[in-house]
Amino acid sequence: SWNGANTYYTDSVKGRFTISRDNAKNTVYLQMNSLKPEDTGVYYCA
């Protein structure tokens, strides 16, 4: 969410991926740990 209070993860990445945002920098991040071959793809920000 815009204020970072709410996050919603698809089941396949829960516990491995973490989203965060720094509004002062106008930047959102996706930390991806324990990556699997099925995570392969083009990742888009929206």
ModelCIF file with pLDDT and N, C-alpha, C, O atoms, coordinates in Angstrom:
data_MODEL
#
_entry.id   MODEL 
#
_entity.id                         1 
_entity.type                       polymer 
_entity.pdbx_number_of_molecules   1 
#
_entity_poly.entity_id                      1 
_entity_poly.type                           'polypeptide(L)' 
_entity_poly.nstd_linkage                   no 
_entity_poly.nstd_monomer                   no 
_entity_poly.pdbx_seq_one_letter_code       SWNGANTYYTDSVKGRFTISRDNAKNTVYLQMNSLKPEDTGVYYCA 
_entity_poly.pdbx_seq_one_letter_code_can   SWNGANTYYTDSVKGRFTISRDNAKNTVYLQMNSLKPEDTGVYYCA 
_entity_poly.pdbx_strand_id                 A 
#
loop_
_entity_poly_seq.entity_id 
_entity_poly_seq.num 
_entity_poly_seq.mon_id 
_entity_poly_seq.hetero 
1 1  SER n 
1 2  TRP n 
1 3  ASN n 
1 4  GLY n 
1 5  ALA n 
1 6  ASN n 
1 7  THR n 
1 8  TYR n 
1 9  TYR n 
1 10 THR n 
1 11 ASP n 
1 12 SER n 
1 13 VAL n 
1 14 LYS n 
1 15 GLY n 
1 16 ARG n 
1 17 PHE n 
1 18 THR n 
1 19 ILE n 
1 20 SER n 
1 21 ARG n 
1 22 ASP n 
1 23 ASN n 
1 24 ALA n 
1 25 LYS n 
1 26 ASN n 
1 27 THR n 
1 28 VAL n 
1 29 TYR n 
1 30 LEU n 
1 31 GLN n 
1 32 MET n 
1 33 ASN n 
1 34 SER n 
1 35 LEU n 
1 36 LYS n 
1 37 PRO n 
1 38 GLU n 
1 39 ASP n 
1 40 THR n 
1 41 GLY n 
1 42 VAL n 
1 43 TYR n 
1 44 TYR n 
1 45 CYS n 
1 46 ALA n 
#
_struct_asym.id          A 
_struct_asym.entity_id   1 
#
loop_
_ma_qa_metric.id 
_ma_qa_metric.mode 
_ma_qa_metric.name 
_ma_qa_metric.software_group_id 
_ma_qa_metric.type 
1 global pLDDT . pLDDT 
2 local  pLDDT . pLDDT 
#
_ma_qa_metric_global.metric_id      1 
_ma_qa_metric_global.metric_value   94.96 
_ma_qa_metric_global.model_id       1 
_ma_qa_metric_global.ordinal_id     1 
#
loop_
_ma_qa_metric_local.label_asym_id 
_ma_qa_metric_local.label_comp_id 
_ma_qa_metric_local.label_seq_id 
_ma_qa_metric_local.metric_id 
_ma_qa_metric_local.metric_value 
_ma_qa_metric_local.model_id 
_ma_qa_metric_local.ordinal_id 
A SER 1  2 92.00 1 1  
A TRP 2  2 86.00 1 2  
A ASN 3  2 85.00 1 3  
A GLY 4  2 88.00 1 4  
A ALA 5  2 90.00 1 5  
A ASN 6  2 94.00 1 6  
A THR 7  2 96.00 1 7  
A TYR 8  2 96.00 1 8  
A TYR 9  2 97.00 1 9  
A THR 10 2 97.00 1 10 
A ASP 11 2 97.00 1 11 
A SER 12 2 97.00 1 12 
A VAL 13 2 98.00 1 13 
A LYS 14 2 97.00 1 14 
A GLY 15 2 97.00 1 15 
A ARG 16 2 98.00 1 16 
A PHE 17 2 98.00 1 17 
A THR 18 2 98.00 1 18 
A ILE 19 2 98.00 1 19 
A SER 20 2 96.00 1 20 
A ARG 21 2 92.00 1 21 
A ASP 22 2 90.00 1 22 
A ASN 23 2 83.00 1 23 
A ALA 24 2 86.00 1 24 
A LYS 25 2 89.00 1 25 
A ASN 26 2 89.00 1 26 
A THR 27 2 93.00 1 27 
A VAL 28 2 95.00 1 28 
A TYR 29 2 97.00 1 29 
A LEU 30 2 98.00 1 30 
A GLN 31 2 98.00 1 31 
A MET 32 2 98.00 1 32 
A ASN 33 2 98.00 1 33 
A SER 34 2 98.00 1 34 
A LEU 35 2 98.00 1 35 
A LYS 36 2 98.00 1 36 
A PRO 37 2 97.00 1 37 
A GLU 38 2 96.00 1 38 
A ASP 39 2 98.00 1 39 
A THR 40 2 98.00 1 40 
A GLY 41 2 98.00 1 41 
A VAL 42 2 98.00 1 42 
A TYR 43 2 98.00 1 43 
A TYR 44 2 98.00 1 44 
A CYS 45 2 97.00 1 45 
A ALA 46 2 95.00 1 46 
#
loop_
_atom_site.group_PDB 
_atom_site.id 
_atom_site.type_symbol 
_atom_site.label_atom_id 
_atom_site.label_alt_id 
_atom_site.label_comp_id 
_atom_site.label_asym_id 
_atom_site.label_entity_id 
_atom_site.label_seq_id 
_atom_site.pdbx_PDB_ins_code 
_atom_site.Cartn_x 
_atom_site.Cartn_y 
_atom_site.Cartn_z 
_atom_site.occupancy 
_atom_site.B_iso_or_equiv 
_atom_site.pdbx_formal_charge 
_atom_site.auth_seq_id 
_atom_site.auth_comp_id 
_atom_site.auth_asym_id 
_atom_site.auth_atom_id 
_atom_site.pdbx_PDB_model_num 
ATOM 1   N N  . SER A 1 1  ? 0.827  -1.195  0.000   1.00 92.00 ? 1  SER A N  1 
ATOM 2   C CA . SER A 1 1  ? 0.000  0.000   0.000   1.00 92.00 ? 1  SER A CA 1 
ATOM 3   C C  . SER A 1 1  ? 0.866  1.251   0.000   1.00 92.00 ? 1  SER A C  1 
ATOM 4   O O  . SER A 1 1  ? 2.076  1.184   0.214   1.00 92.00 ? 1  SER A O  1 
ATOM 5   N N  . TRP A 1 2  ? 0.228  2.395   -0.243  1.00 86.00 ? 2  TRP A N  1 
ATOM 6   C CA . TRP A 1 2  ? 0.977  3.647   -0.379  1.00 86.00 ? 2  TRP A CA 1 
ATOM 7   C C  . TRP A 1 2  ? 1.757  4.006   0.877   1.00 86.00 ? 2  TRP A C  1 
ATOM 8   O O  . TRP A 1 2  ? 2.820  4.620   0.789   1.00 86.00 ? 2  TRP A O  1 
ATOM 9   N N  . ASN A 1 3  ? 1.237  3.629   2.052   1.00 85.00 ? 3  ASN A N  1 
ATOM 10  C CA . ASN A 1 3  ? 1.917  3.952   3.302   1.00 85.00 ? 3  ASN A CA 1 
ATOM 11  C C  . ASN A 1 3  ? 2.722  2.775   3.857   1.00 85.00 ? 3  ASN A C  1 
ATOM 12  O O  . ASN A 1 3  ? 3.296  2.876   4.942   1.00 85.00 ? 3  ASN A O  1 
ATOM 13  N N  . GLY A 1 4  ? 2.767  1.672   3.130   1.00 88.00 ? 4  GLY A N  1 
ATOM 14  C CA . GLY A 1 4  ? 3.526  0.514   3.554   1.00 88.00 ? 4  GLY A CA 1 
ATOM 15  C C  . GLY A 1 4  ? 2.863  -0.334  4.613   1.00 88.00 ? 4  GLY A C  1 
ATOM 16  O O  . GLY A 1 4  ? 3.453  -1.314  5.066   1.00 88.00 ? 4  GLY A O  1 
ATOM 17  N N  . ALA A 1 5  ? 1.642  0.012   5.028   1.00 90.00 ? 5  ALA A N  1 
ATOM 18  C CA . ALA A 1 5  ? 0.988  -0.701  6.112   1.00 90.00 ? 5  ALA A CA 1 
ATOM 19  C C  . ALA A 1 5  ? 0.476  -2.076  5.706   1.00 90.00 ? 5  ALA A C  1 
ATOM 20  O O  . ALA A 1 5  ? 0.361  -2.969  6.546   1.00 90.00 ? 5  ALA A O  1 
ATOM 21  N N  . ASN A 1 6  ? 0.171  -2.251  4.442   1.00 94.00 ? 6  ASN A N  1 
ATOM 22  C CA . ASN A 1 6  ? -0.415 -3.496  3.971   1.00 94.00 ? 6  ASN A CA 1 
ATOM 23  C C  . ASN A 1 6  ? 0.418  -4.094  2.851   1.00 94.00 ? 6  ASN A C  1 
ATOM 24  O O  . ASN A 1 6  ? 0.806  -3.403  1.910   1.00 94.00 ? 6  ASN A O  1 
ATOM 25  N N  . THR A 1 7  ? 0.687  -5.381  2.965   1.00 96.00 ? 7  THR A N  1 
ATOM 26  C CA . THR A 1 7  ? 1.369  -6.113  1.915   1.00 96.00 ? 7  THR A CA 1 
ATOM 27  C C  . THR A 1 7  ? 0.589  -7.376  1.595   1.00 96.00 ? 7  THR A C  1 
ATOM 28  O O  . THR A 1 7  ? -0.111 -7.918  2.450   1.00 96.00 ? 7  THR A O  1 
ATOM 29  N N  . TYR A 1 8  ? 0.714  -7.837  0.369   1.00 96.00 ? 8  TYR A N  1 
ATOM 30  C CA . TYR A 1 8  ? -0.018 -9.005  -0.092  1.00 96.00 ? 8  TYR A CA 1 
ATOM 31  C C  . TYR A 1 8  ? 0.901  -9.802  -1.003  1.00 96.00 ? 8  TYR A C  1 
ATOM 32  O O  . TYR A 1 8  ? 1.282  -9.326  -2.072  1.00 96.00 ? 8  TYR A O  1 
ATOM 33  N N  . TYR A 1 9  ? 1.259  -11.016 -0.586  1.00 97.00 ? 9  TYR A N  1 
ATOM 34  C CA . TYR A 1 9  ? 2.167  -11.877 -1.321  1.00 97.00 ? 9  TYR A CA 1 
ATOM 35  C C  . TYR A 1 9  ? 1.436  -13.067 -1.912  1.00 97.00 ? 9  TYR A C  1 
ATOM 36  O O  . TYR A 1 9  ? 0.540  -13.628 -1.281  1.00 97.00 ? 9  TYR A O  1 
ATOM 37  N N  . THR A 1 10 ? 1.815  -13.452 -3.119  1.00 97.00 ? 10 THR A N  1 
ATOM 38  C CA . THR A 1 10 ? 1.319  -14.702 -3.654  1.00 97.00 ? 10 THR A CA 1 
ATOM 39  C C  . THR A 1 10 ? 1.946  -15.848 -2.856  1.00 97.00 ? 10 THR A C  1 
ATOM 40  O O  . THR A 1 10 ? 3.064  -15.724 -2.356  1.00 97.00 ? 10 THR A O  1 
ATOM 41  N N  . ASP A 1 11 ? 1.222  -16.956 -2.740  1.00 97.00 ? 11 ASP A N  1 
ATOM 42  C CA . ASP A 1 11 ? 1.645  -18.039 -1.855  1.00 97.00 ? 11 ASP A CA 1 
ATOM 43  C C  . ASP A 1 11 ? 3.035  -18.582 -2.171  1.00 97.00 ? 11 ASP A C  1 
ATOM 44  O O  . ASP A 1 11 ? 3.771  -18.958 -1.258  1.00 97.00 ? 11 ASP A O  1 
ATOM 45  N N  . SER A 1 12 ? 3.398  -18.628 -3.429  1.00 97.00 ? 12 SER A N  1 
ATOM 46  C CA . SER A 1 12 ? 4.648  -19.255 -3.822  1.00 97.00 ? 12 SER A CA 1 
ATOM 47  C C  . SER A 1 12 ? 5.895  -18.506 -3.363  1.00 97.00 ? 12 SER A C  1 
ATOM 48  O O  . SER A 1 12 ? 6.986  -19.077 -3.371  1.00 97.00 ? 12 SER A O  1 
ATOM 49  N N  . VAL A 1 13 ? 5.759  -17.235 -2.961  1.00 98.00 ? 13 VAL A N  1 
ATOM 50  C CA . VAL A 1 13 ? 6.930  -16.462 -2.546  1.00 98.00 ? 13 VAL A CA 1 
ATOM 51  C C  . VAL A 1 13 ? 6.904  -16.085 -1.072  1.00 98.00 ? 13 VAL A C  1 
ATOM 52  O O  . VAL A 1 13 ? 7.850  -15.470 -0.580  1.00 98.00 ? 13 VAL A O  1 
ATOM 53  N N  . LYS A 1 14 ? 5.854  -16.439 -0.365  1.00 97.00 ? 14 LYS A N  1 
ATOM 54  C CA . LYS A 1 14 ? 5.762  -16.100 1.050   1.00 97.00 ? 14 LYS A CA 1 
ATOM 55  C C  . LYS A 1 14 ? 6.919  -16.717 1.827   1.00 97.00 ? 14 LYS A C  1 
ATOM 56  O O  . LYS A 1 14 ? 7.248  -17.890 1.649   1.00 97.00 ? 14 LYS A O  1 
ATOM 57  N N  . GLY A 1 15 ? 7.528  -15.915 2.688   1.00 97.00 ? 15 GLY A N  1 
ATOM 58  C CA . GLY A 1 15 ? 8.659  -16.377 3.469   1.00 97.00 ? 15 GLY A CA 1 
ATOM 59  C C  . GLY A 1 15 ? 9.991  -16.264 2.768   1.00 97.00 ? 15 GLY A C  1 
ATOM 60  O O  . GLY A 1 15 ? 11.034 -16.426 3.400   1.00 97.00 ? 15 GLY A O  1 
ATOM 61  N N  . ARG A 1 16 ? 9.981  -15.986 1.461   1.00 98.00 ? 16 ARG A N  1 
ATOM 62  C CA . ARG A 1 16 ? 11.217 -15.863 0.693   1.00 98.00 ? 16 ARG A CA 1 
ATOM 63  C C  . ARG A 1 16 ? 11.433 -14.449 0.151   1.00 98.00 ? 16 ARG A C  1 
ATOM 64  O O  . ARG A 1 16 ? 12.564 -13.965 0.111   1.00 98.00 ? 16 ARG A O  1 
ATOM 65  N N  . PHE A 1 17 ? 10.353 -13.788 -0.264  1.00 98.00 ? 17 PHE A N  1 
ATOM 66  C CA . PHE A 1 17 ? 10.433 -12.450 -0.842  1.00 98.00 ? 17 PHE A CA 1 
ATOM 67  C C  . PHE A 1 17 ? 9.910  -11.427 0.156   1.00 98.00 ? 17 PHE A C  1 
ATOM 68  O O  . PHE A 1 17 ? 9.013  -11.724 0.945   1.00 98.00 ? 17 PHE A O  1 
ATOM 69  N N  . THR A 1 18 ? 10.468 -10.226 0.122   1.00 98.00 ? 18 THR A N  1 
ATOM 70  C CA . THR A 1 18 ? 10.017 -9.138  0.966   1.00 98.00 ? 18 THR A CA 1 
ATOM 71  C C  . THR A 1 18 ? 9.950  -7.853  0.154   1.00 98.00 ? 18 THR A C  1 
ATOM 72  O O  . THR A 1 18 ? 10.933 -7.460  -0.474  1.00 98.00 ? 18 THR A O  1 
ATOM 73  N N  . ILE A 1 19 ? 8.792  -7.198  0.167   1.00 98.00 ? 19 ILE A N  1 
ATOM 74  C CA . ILE A 1 19 ? 8.641  -5.916  -0.504  1.00 98.00 ? 19 ILE A CA 1 
ATOM 75  C C  . ILE A 1 19 ? 8.757  -4.800  0.526   1.00 98.00 ? 19 ILE A C  1 
ATOM 76  O O  . ILE A 1 19 ? 8.318  -4.952  1.666   1.00 98.00 ? 19 ILE A O  1 
ATOM 77  N N  . SER A 1 20 ? 9.342  -3.695  0.129   1.00 96.00 ? 20 SER A N  1 
ATOM 78  C CA . SER A 1 20 ? 9.436  -2.524  0.978   1.00 96.00 ? 20 SER A CA 1 
ATOM 79  C C  . SER A 1 20 ? 9.443  -1.283  0.096   1.00 96.00 ? 20 SER A C  1 
ATOM 80  O O  . SER A 1 20 ? 9.682  -1.369  -1.109  1.00 96.00 ? 20 SER A O  1 
ATOM 81  N N  . ARG A 1 21 ? 9.181  -0.137  0.700   1.00 92.00 ? 21 ARG A N  1 
ATOM 82  C CA . ARG A 1 21 ? 9.227  1.106   -0.064  1.00 92.00 ? 21 ARG A CA 1 
ATOM 83  C C  . ARG A 1 21 ? 9.821  2.214   0.781   1.00 92.00 ? 21 ARG A C  1 
ATOM 84  O O  . ARG A 1 21 ? 9.661  2.249   2.001   1.00 92.00 ? 21 ARG A O  1 
ATOM 85  N N  . ASP A 1 22 ? 10.502 3.107   0.112   1.00 90.00 ? 22 ASP A N  1 
ATOM 86  C CA . ASP A 1 22 ? 11.077 4.281   0.731   1.00 90.00 ? 22 ASP A CA 1 
ATOM 87  C C  . ASP A 1 22 ? 10.515 5.472   -0.025  1.00 90.00 ? 22 ASP A C  1 
ATOM 88  O O  . ASP A 1 22 ? 11.023 5.842   -1.083  1.00 90.00 ? 22 ASP A O  1 
ATOM 89  N N  . ASN A 1 23 ? 9.464  6.069   0.524   1.00 83.00 ? 23 ASN A N  1 
ATOM 90  C CA . ASN A 1 23 ? 8.788  7.144   -0.182  1.00 83.00 ? 23 ASN A CA 1 
ATOM 91  C C  . ASN A 1 23 ? 9.659  8.398   -0.323  1.00 83.00 ? 23 ASN A C  1 
ATOM 92  O O  . ASN A 1 23 ? 9.484  9.175   -1.261  1.00 83.00 ? 23 ASN A O  1 
ATOM 93  N N  . ALA A 1 24 ? 10.591 8.591   0.606   1.00 86.00 ? 24 ALA A N  1 
ATOM 94  C CA . ALA A 1 24 ? 11.495 9.727   0.495   1.00 86.00 ? 24 ALA A CA 1 
ATOM 95  C C  . ALA A 1 24 ? 12.381 9.604   -0.736  1.00 86.00 ? 24 ALA A C  1 
ATOM 96  O O  . ALA A 1 24 ? 12.803 10.612  -1.304  1.00 86.00 ? 24 ALA A O  1 
ATOM 97  N N  . LYS A 1 25 ? 12.663 8.369   -1.151  1.00 89.00 ? 25 LYS A N  1 
ATOM 98  C CA . LYS A 1 25 ? 13.473 8.117   -2.333  1.00 89.00 ? 25 LYS A CA 1 
ATOM 99  C C  . LYS A 1 25 ? 12.628 7.739   -3.543  1.00 89.00 ? 25 LYS A C  1 
ATOM 100 O O  . LYS A 1 25 ? 13.167 7.500   -4.624  1.00 89.00 ? 25 LYS A O  1 
ATOM 101 N N  . ASN A 1 26 ? 11.310 7.682   -3.372  1.00 89.00 ? 26 ASN A N  1 
ATOM 102 C CA . ASN A 1 26 ? 10.406 7.269   -4.443  1.00 89.00 ? 26 ASN A CA 1 
ATOM 103 C C  . ASN A 1 26 ? 10.831 5.935   -5.045  1.00 89.00 ? 26 ASN A C  1 
ATOM 104 O O  . ASN A 1 26 ? 10.879 5.775   -6.265  1.00 89.00 ? 26 ASN A O  1 
ATOM 105 N N  . THR A 1 27 ? 11.134 4.987   -4.177  1.00 93.00 ? 27 THR A N  1 
ATOM 106 C CA . THR A 1 27 ? 11.658 3.707   -4.617  1.00 93.00 ? 27 THR A CA 1 
ATOM 107 C C  . THR A 1 27 ? 10.979 2.563   -3.868  1.00 93.00 ? 27 THR A C  1 
ATOM 108 O O  . THR A 1 27 ? 10.740 2.652   -2.664  1.00 93.00 ? 27 THR A O  1 
ATOM 109 N N  . VAL A 1 28 ? 10.677 1.503   -4.584  1.00 95.00 ? 28 VAL A N  1 
ATOM 110 C CA . VAL A 1 28 ? 10.170 0.273   -3.994  1.00 95.00 ? 28 VAL A CA 1 
ATOM 111 C C  . VAL A 1 28 ? 11.185 -0.827  -4.272  1.00 95.00 ? 28 VAL A C  1 
ATOM 112 O O  . VAL A 1 28 ? 11.816 -0.845  -5.329  1.00 95.00 ? 28 VAL A O  1 
ATOM 113 N N  . TYR A 1 29 ? 11.341 -1.742  -3.323  1.00 97.00 ? 29 TYR A N  1 
ATOM 114 C CA . TYR A 1 29 ? 12.330 -2.801  -3.425  1.00 97.00 ? 29 TYR A CA 1 
ATOM 115 C C  . TYR A 1 29 ? 11.663 -4.165  -3.324  1.00 97.00 ? 29 TYR A C  1 
ATOM 116 O O  . TYR A 1 29 ? 10.606 -4.312  -2.710  1.00 97.00 ? 29 TYR A O  1 
ATOM 117 N N  . LEU A 1 30 ? 12.291 -5.148  -3.932  1.00 98.00 ? 30 LEU A N  1 
ATOM 118 C CA . LEU A 1 30 ? 11.881 -6.535  -3.763  1.00 98.00 ? 30 LEU A CA 1 
ATOM 119 C C  . LEU A 1 30 ? 13.121 -7.349  -3.425  1.00 98.00 ? 30 LEU A C  1 
ATOM 120 O O  . LEU A 1 30 ? 13.960 -7.604  -4.289  1.00 98.00 ? 30 LEU A O  1 
ATOM 121 N N  . GLN A 1 31 ? 13.232 -7.754  -2.166  1.00 98.00 ? 31 GLN A N  1 
ATOM 122 C CA . GLN A 1 31 ? 14.314 -8.616  -1.726  1.00 98.00 ? 31 GLN A CA 1 
ATOM 123 C C  . GLN A 1 31 ? 13.889 -10.058 -1.949  1.00 98.00 ? 31 GLN A C  1 
ATOM 124 O O  . GLN A 1 31 ? 12.875 -10.498 -1.406  1.00 98.00 ? 31 GLN A O  1 
ATOM 125 N N  . MET A 1 32 ? 14.652 -10.793 -2.739  1.00 98.00 ? 32 MET A N  1 
ATOM 126 C CA . MET A 1 32 ? 14.322 -12.162 -3.091  1.00 98.00 ? 32 MET A CA 1 
ATOM 127 C C  . MET A 1 32 ? 15.402 -13.084 -2.553  1.00 98.00 ? 32 MET A C  1 
ATOM 128 O O  . MET A 1 32 ? 16.554 -13.015 -2.981  1.00 98.00 ? 32 MET A O  1 
ATOM 129 N N  . ASN A 1 33 ? 15.034 -13.941 -1.622  1.00 98.00 ? 33 ASN A N  1 
ATOM 130 C CA . ASN A 1 33 ? 15.943 -14.906 -1.026  1.00 98.00 ? 33 ASN A CA 1 
ATOM 131 C C  . ASN A 1 33 ? 15.507 -16.326 -1.371  1.00 98.00 ? 33 ASN A C  1 
ATOM 132 O O  . ASN A 1 33 ? 14.373 -16.555 -1.793  1.00 98.00 ? 33 ASN A O  1 
ATOM 133 N N  . SER A 1 34 ? 16.416 -17.269 -1.187  1.00 98.00 ? 34 SER A N  1 
ATOM 134 C CA . SER A 1 34 ? 16.136 -18.683 -1.447  1.00 98.00 ? 34 SER A CA 1 
ATOM 135 C C  . SER A 1 34 ? 15.504 -18.879 -2.819  1.00 98.00 ? 34 SER A C  1 
ATOM 136 O O  . SER A 1 34 ? 14.496 -19.572 -2.955  1.00 98.00 ? 34 SER A O  1 
ATOM 137 N N  . LEU A 1 35 ? 16.097 -18.271 -3.822  1.00 98.00 ? 35 LEU A N  1 
ATOM 138 C CA . LEU A 1 35 ? 15.530 -18.302 -5.164  1.00 98.00 ? 35 LEU A CA 1 
ATOM 139 C C  . LEU A 1 35 ? 15.506 -19.707 -5.743  1.00 98.00 ? 35 LEU A C  1 
ATOM 140 O O  . LEU A 1 35 ? 16.400 -20.517 -5.496  1.00 98.00 ? 35 LEU A O  1 
ATOM 141 N N  . LYS A 1 36 ? 14.468 -19.975 -6.518  1.00 98.00 ? 36 LYS A N  1 
ATOM 142 C CA . LYS A 1 36 ? 14.252 -21.256 -7.159  1.00 98.00 ? 36 LYS A CA 1 
ATOM 143 C C  . LYS A 1 36 ? 14.198 -21.066 -8.672  1.00 98.00 ? 36 LYS A C  1 
ATOM 144 O O  . LYS A 1 36 ? 13.879 -19.972 -9.138  1.00 98.00 ? 36 LYS A O  1 
ATOM 145 N N  . PRO A 1 37 ? 14.503 -22.109 -9.451  1.00 97.00 ? 37 PRO A N  1 
ATOM 146 C CA . PRO A 1 37 ? 14.419 -21.971 -10.913 1.00 97.00 ? 37 PRO A CA 1 
ATOM 147 C C  . PRO A 1 37 ? 13.048 -21.498 -11.394 1.00 97.00 ? 37 PRO A C  1 
ATOM 148 O O  . PRO A 1 37 ? 12.965 -20.790 -12.398 1.00 97.00 ? 37 PRO A O  1 
ATOM 149 N N  . GLU A 1 38 ? 11.985 -21.870 -10.708 1.00 96.00 ? 38 GLU A N  1 
ATOM 150 C CA . GLU A 1 38 ? 10.657 -21.446 -11.110 1.00 96.00 ? 38 GLU A CA 1 
ATOM 151 C C  . GLU A 1 38 ? 10.387 -19.966 -10.866 1.00 96.00 ? 38 GLU A C  1 
ATOM 152 O O  . GLU A 1 38 ? 9.346  -19.454 -11.276 1.00 96.00 ? 38 GLU A O  1 
ATOM 153 N N  . ASP A 1 39 ? 11.313 -19.272 -10.202 1.00 98.00 ? 39 ASP A N  1 
ATOM 154 C CA . ASP A 1 39 ? 11.204 -17.825 -10.049 1.00 98.00 ? 39 ASP A CA 1 
ATOM 155 C C  . ASP A 1 39 ? 11.697 -17.077 -11.279 1.00 98.00 ? 39 ASP A C  1 
ATOM 156 O O  . ASP A 1 39 ? 11.559 -15.856 -11.358 1.00 98.00 ? 39 ASP A O  1 
ATOM 157 N N  . THR A 1 40 ? 12.267 -17.789 -12.230 1.00 98.00 ? 40 THR A N  1 
ATOM 158 C CA . THR A 1 40 ? 12.805 -17.176 -13.437 1.00 98.00 ? 40 THR A CA 1 
ATOM 159 C C  . THR A 1 40 ? 11.713 -16.465 -14.234 1.00 98.00 ? 40 THR A C  1 
ATOM 160 O O  . THR A 1 40 ? 10.614 -16.994 -14.401 1.00 98.00 ? 40 THR A O  1 
ATOM 161 N N  . GLY A 1 41 ? 12.016 -15.275 -14.719 1.00 98.00 ? 41 GLY A N  1 
ATOM 162 C CA . GLY A 1 41 ? 11.089 -14.530 -15.545 1.00 98.00 ? 41 GLY A CA 1 
ATOM 163 C C  . GLY A 1 41 ? 11.470 -13.069 -15.608 1.00 98.00 ? 41 GLY A C  1 
ATOM 164 O O  . GLY A 1 41 ? 12.439 -12.635 -14.985 1.00 98.00 ? 41 GLY A O  1 
ATOM 165 N N  . VAL A 1 42 ? 10.695 -12.313 -16.369 1.00 98.00 ? 42 VAL A N  1 
ATOM 166 C CA . VAL A 1 42 ? 10.851 -10.867 -16.417 1.00 98.00 ? 42 VAL A CA 1 
ATOM 167 C C  . VAL A 1 42 ? 9.992  -10.275 -15.312 1.00 98.00 ? 42 VAL A C  1 
ATOM 168 O O  . VAL A 1 42 ? 8.790  -10.534 -15.245 1.00 98.00 ? 42 VAL A O  1 
ATOM 169 N N  . TYR A 1 43 ? 10.603 -9.489  -14.455 1.00 98.00 ? 43 TYR A N  1 
ATOM 170 C CA . TYR A 1 43 ? 9.905  -8.874  -13.336 1.00 98.00 ? 43 TYR A CA 1 
ATOM 171 C C  . TYR A 1 43 ? 9.560  -7.430  -13.666 1.00 98.00 ? 43 TYR A C  1 
ATOM 172 O O  . TYR A 1 43 ? 10.415 -6.655  -14.094 1.00 98.00 ? 43 TYR A O  1 
ATOM 173 N N  . TYR A 1 44 ? 8.290  -7.081  -13.459 1.00 98.00 ? 44 TYR A N  1 
ATOM 174 C CA . TYR A 1 44 ? 7.783  -5.757  -13.770 1.00 98.00 ? 44 TYR A CA 1 
ATOM 175 C C  . TYR A 1 44 ? 7.297  -5.055  -12.510 1.00 98.00 ? 44 TYR A C  1 
ATOM 176 O O  . TYR A 1 44 ? 6.636  -5.660  -11.666 1.00 98.00 ? 44 TYR A O  1 
ATOM 177 N N  . CYS A 1 45 ? 7.624  -3.800  -12.393 1.00 97.00 ? 45 CYS A N  1 
ATOM 178 C CA . CYS A 1 45 ? 7.104  -2.944  -11.348 1.00 97.00 ? 45 CYS A CA 1 
ATOM 179 C C  . CYS A 1 45 ? 5.853  -2.246  -11.871 1.00 97.00 ? 45 CYS A C  1 
ATOM 180 O O  . CYS A 1 45 ? 5.804  -1.854  -13.037 1.00 97.00 ? 45 CYS A O  1 
ATOM 181 N N  . ALA A 1 46 ? 4.839  -2.087  -11.013 1.00 95.00 ? 46 ALA A N  1 
ATOM 182 C CA . ALA A 1 46 ? 3.593  -1.454  -11.410 1.00 95.00 ? 46 ALA A CA 1 
ATOM 183 C C  . ALA A 1 46 ? 3.084  -0.533  -10.307 1.00 95.00 ? 46 ALA A C  1 
ATOM 184 O O  . ALA A 1 46 ? 2.036  0.093   -10.460 1.00 95.00 ? 46 ALA A O  1 
#
